[in-house]
Amino acid sequence: MQEANTPLFEVFLRPRNGLAHLHVGSIHAADEAMALQCARDVYTRRGEAKSIWVVRSIHIAASNPGEKDVNFSPSDPDYKPYRHPTFYEIPSEIGHM
């Protein structure tokens, strides 16, 4: 199959109301309607989903794994003094805490 004829779709299912959609796999389909039908046939045979999302893979933007440190490393902890209890002044009327 050629990508031009049958684009790749990513399939996300929500198992129950109140839960997030989870990526369960990928399928090839000619259009969105066929992708929904194929996703239902392939990934929900036992009725384990309340909702299905299909998204063309080319429309998903993702971070580069090689830039993990830049994207996900924490900031300098000394730059955020408000996270430490010493940053706040306790009023004298509060007394001992």
C-alpha atoms as a PDB file:
ATOM      1  CA  MET A   1       0.000   0.000   0.000  1.00  0.00           C
ATOM      2  CA  GLN A   2       1.193   3.470  -0.751  1.00  0.00           C
ATOM      3  CA  GLU A   3       0.935   6.284   1.786  1.00  0.00           C
ATOM      4  CA  ALA A   4      -0.636   8.578  -0.845  1.00  0.00           C
ATOM      5  CA  ASN A   5      -3.544   6.169  -1.373  1.00  0.00           C
ATOM      6  CA  THR A   6      -4.070   5.059   2.199  1.00  0.00           C
ATOM      7  CA  PRO A   7      -2.789   7.523   4.804  1.00  0.00           C
ATOM      8  CA  LEU A   8      -1.799   6.374   8.255  1.00  0.00           C
ATOM      9  CA  PHE A   9      -4.136   7.225  11.158  1.00  0.00           C
ATOM     10  CA  GLU A  10      -3.399   7.023  14.876  1.00  0.00           C
ATOM     11  CA  VAL A  11      -6.216   5.551  16.978  1.00  0.00           C
ATOM     12  CA  PHE A  12      -7.118   6.716  20.484  1.00  0.00           C
ATOM     13  CA  LEU A  13      -9.765   5.079  22.695  1.00  0.00           C
ATOM     14  CA  ARG A  14     -11.473   6.255  25.869  1.00  0.00           C
ATOM     15  CA  PRO A  15     -12.402   3.176  27.890  1.00  0.00           C
ATOM     16  CA  ARG A  16     -14.904   4.874  30.235  1.00  0.00           C
ATOM     17  CA  ASN A  17     -16.426   8.277  30.796  1.00  0.00           C
ATOM     18  CA  GLY A  18     -14.129  10.505  32.820  1.00  0.00           C
ATOM     19  CA  LEU A  19     -10.930   8.840  31.617  1.00  0.00           C
ATOM     20  CA  ALA A  20      -8.468  10.176  29.059  1.00  0.00           C
ATOM     21  CA  HIS A  21      -8.163   8.839  25.527  1.00  0.00           C
ATOM     22  CA  LEU A  22      -5.243   6.406  25.160  1.00  0.00           C
ATOM     23  CA  HIS A  23      -3.255   5.631  22.027  1.00  0.00           C
ATOM     24  CA  VAL A  24      -3.954   2.028  21.055  1.00  0.00           C
ATOM     25  CA  GLY A  25      -2.445   1.713  17.594  1.00  0.00           C
ATOM     26  CA  SER A  26      -2.411   2.782  13.971  1.00  0.00           C
ATOM     27  CA  ILE A  27      -4.404   1.919  10.866  1.00  0.00           C
ATOM     28  CA  HIS A  28      -4.330   2.754   7.160  1.00  0.00           C
ATOM     29  CA  ALA A  29      -7.560   4.079   5.648  1.00  0.00           C
ATOM     30  CA  ALA A  30      -8.647   6.104   2.628  1.00  0.00           C
ATOM     31  CA  ASP A  31     -10.431   8.810   4.664  1.00  0.00           C
ATOM     32  CA  GLU A  32     -11.599   9.735   8.175  1.00  0.00           C
ATOM     33  CA  ALA A  33     -14.927   7.895   7.930  1.00  0.00           C
ATOM     34  CA  MET A  34     -13.222   4.678   6.875  1.00  0.00           C
ATOM     35  CA  ALA A  35     -10.592   5.176   9.579  1.00  0.00           C
ATOM     36  CA  LEU A  36     -13.313   5.387  12.252  1.00  0.00           C
ATOM     37  CA  GLN A  37     -15.011   2.261  10.928  1.00  0.00           C
ATOM     38  CA  CYS A  38     -11.736   0.318  10.724  1.00  0.00           C
ATOM     39  CA  ALA A  39     -10.674   1.496  14.187  1.00  0.00           C
ATOM     40  CA  ARG A  40     -14.004   0.343  15.603  1.00  0.00           C
ATOM     41  CA  ASP A  41     -13.691  -3.049  13.898  1.00  0.00           C
ATOM     42  CA  VAL A  42     -10.063  -3.598  14.926  1.00  0.00           C
ATOM     43  CA  TYR A  43      -9.797  -2.040  18.403  1.00  0.00           C
ATOM     44  CA  THR A  44     -13.286  -2.325  19.954  1.00  0.00           C
ATOM     45  CA  ARG A  45     -14.371  -5.887  19.267  1.00  0.00           C
ATOM     46  CA  ARG A  46     -15.424  -6.477  22.869  1.00  0.00           C
ATOM     47  CA  GLY A  47     -17.083  -3.114  23.488  1.00  0.00           C
ATOM     48  CA  GLU A  48     -14.209  -1.823  25.604  1.00  0.00           C
ATOM     49  CA  ALA A  49     -14.470   1.807  24.448  1.00  0.00           C
ATOM     50  CA  LYS A  50     -16.886   4.678  24.939  1.00  0.00           C
ATOM     51  CA  SER A  51     -15.205   6.993  22.411  1.00  0.00           C
ATOM     52  CA  ILE A  52     -12.828   6.679  19.450  1.00  0.00           C
ATOM     53  CA  TRP A  53     -10.551   9.336  17.991  1.00  0.00           C
ATOM     54  CA  VAL A  54      -8.654   8.907  14.727  1.00  0.00           C
ATOM     55  CA  VAL A  55      -6.040  11.447  13.695  1.00  0.00           C
ATOM     56  CA  ARG A  56      -3.876  11.478  10.591  1.00  0.00           C
ATOM     57  CA  SER A  57      -0.316  10.792  11.653  1.00  0.00           C
ATOM     58  CA  ILE A  58       1.003  13.683   9.581  1.00  0.00           C
ATOM     59  CA  HIS A  59      -1.049  16.095  11.713  1.00  0.00           C
ATOM     60  CA  ILE A  60       0.615  15.088  14.986  1.00  0.00           C
ATOM     61  CA  ALA A  61       3.502  17.252  16.143  1.00  0.00           C
ATOM     62  CA  ALA A  62       5.956  15.663  18.546  1.00  0.00           C
ATOM     63  CA  SER A  63       9.060  16.734  20.397  1.00  0.00           C
ATOM     64  CA  ASN A  64      12.426  15.424  19.266  1.00  0.00           C
ATOM     65  CA  PRO A  65      13.724  12.696  21.629  1.00  0.00           C
ATOM     66  CA  GLY A  66      17.229  14.088  21.119  1.00  0.00           C
ATOM     67  CA  GLU A  67      16.130  17.370  22.741  1.00  0.00           C
ATOM     68  CA  LYS A  68      14.868  15.697  25.918  1.00  0.00           C
ATOM     69  CA  ASP A  69      17.097  17.735  28.246  1.00  0.00           C
ATOM     70  CA  VAL A  70      16.035  21.053  26.747  1.00  0.00           C
ATOM     71  CA  ASN A  71      12.320  20.236  26.784  1.00  0.00           C
ATOM     72  CA  PHE A  72      11.908  18.365  30.052  1.00  0.00           C
ATOM     73  CA  SER A  73      14.725  19.185  32.444  1.00  0.00           C
ATOM     74  CA  PRO A  74      13.641  21.172  35.503  1.00  0.00           C
ATOM     75  CA  SER A  75      14.654  24.780  35.929  1.00  0.00           C
ATOM     76  CA  ASP A  76      17.294  25.874  38.382  1.00  0.00           C
ATOM     77  CA  PRO A  77      15.727  25.125  41.809  1.00  0.00           C
ATOM     78  CA  ASP A  78      17.396  28.184  43.382  1.00  0.00           C
ATOM     79  CA  TYR A  79      15.467  30.414  40.993  1.00  0.00           C
ATOM     80  CA  LYS A  80      12.129  29.390  42.570  1.00  0.00           C
ATOM     81  CA  PRO A  81      12.384  30.350  46.225  1.00  0.00           C
ATOM     82  CA  TYR A  82       8.586  30.454  46.609  1.00  0.00           C
ATOM     83  CA  ARG A  83       8.630  26.649  46.719  1.00  0.00           C
ATOM     84  CA  HIS A  84      10.421  26.718  50.050  1.00  0.00           C
ATOM     85  CA  PRO A  85       8.610  27.644  53.279  1.00  0.00           C
ATOM     86  CA  THR A  86      11.384  30.104  54.156  1.00  0.00           C
ATOM     87  CA  PHE A  87      10.141  32.400  51.390  1.00  0.00           C
ATOM     88  CA  TYR A  88       6.952  33.247  53.301  1.00  0.00           C
ATOM     89  CA  GLU A  89       6.912  35.440  56.368  1.00  0.00           C
ATOM     90  CA  ILE A  90       4.629  34.200  59.124  1.00  0.00           C
ATOM     91  CA  PRO A  91       2.699  37.007  60.851  1.00  0.00           C
ATOM     92  CA  SER A  92       3.470  37.397  64.543  1.00  0.00           C
ATOM     93  CA  GLU A  93      -0.191  36.863  65.532  1.00  0.00           C
ATOM     94  CA  ILE A  94      -0.028  33.313  64.161  1.00  0.00           C
ATOM     95  CA  GLY A  95       2.401  32.254  66.842  1.00  0.00           C
ATOM     96  CA  HIS A  96       4.230  28.960  66.717  1.00  0.00           C
ATOM     97  CA  MET A  97       3.506  26.762  63.705  1.00  0.00           C
END
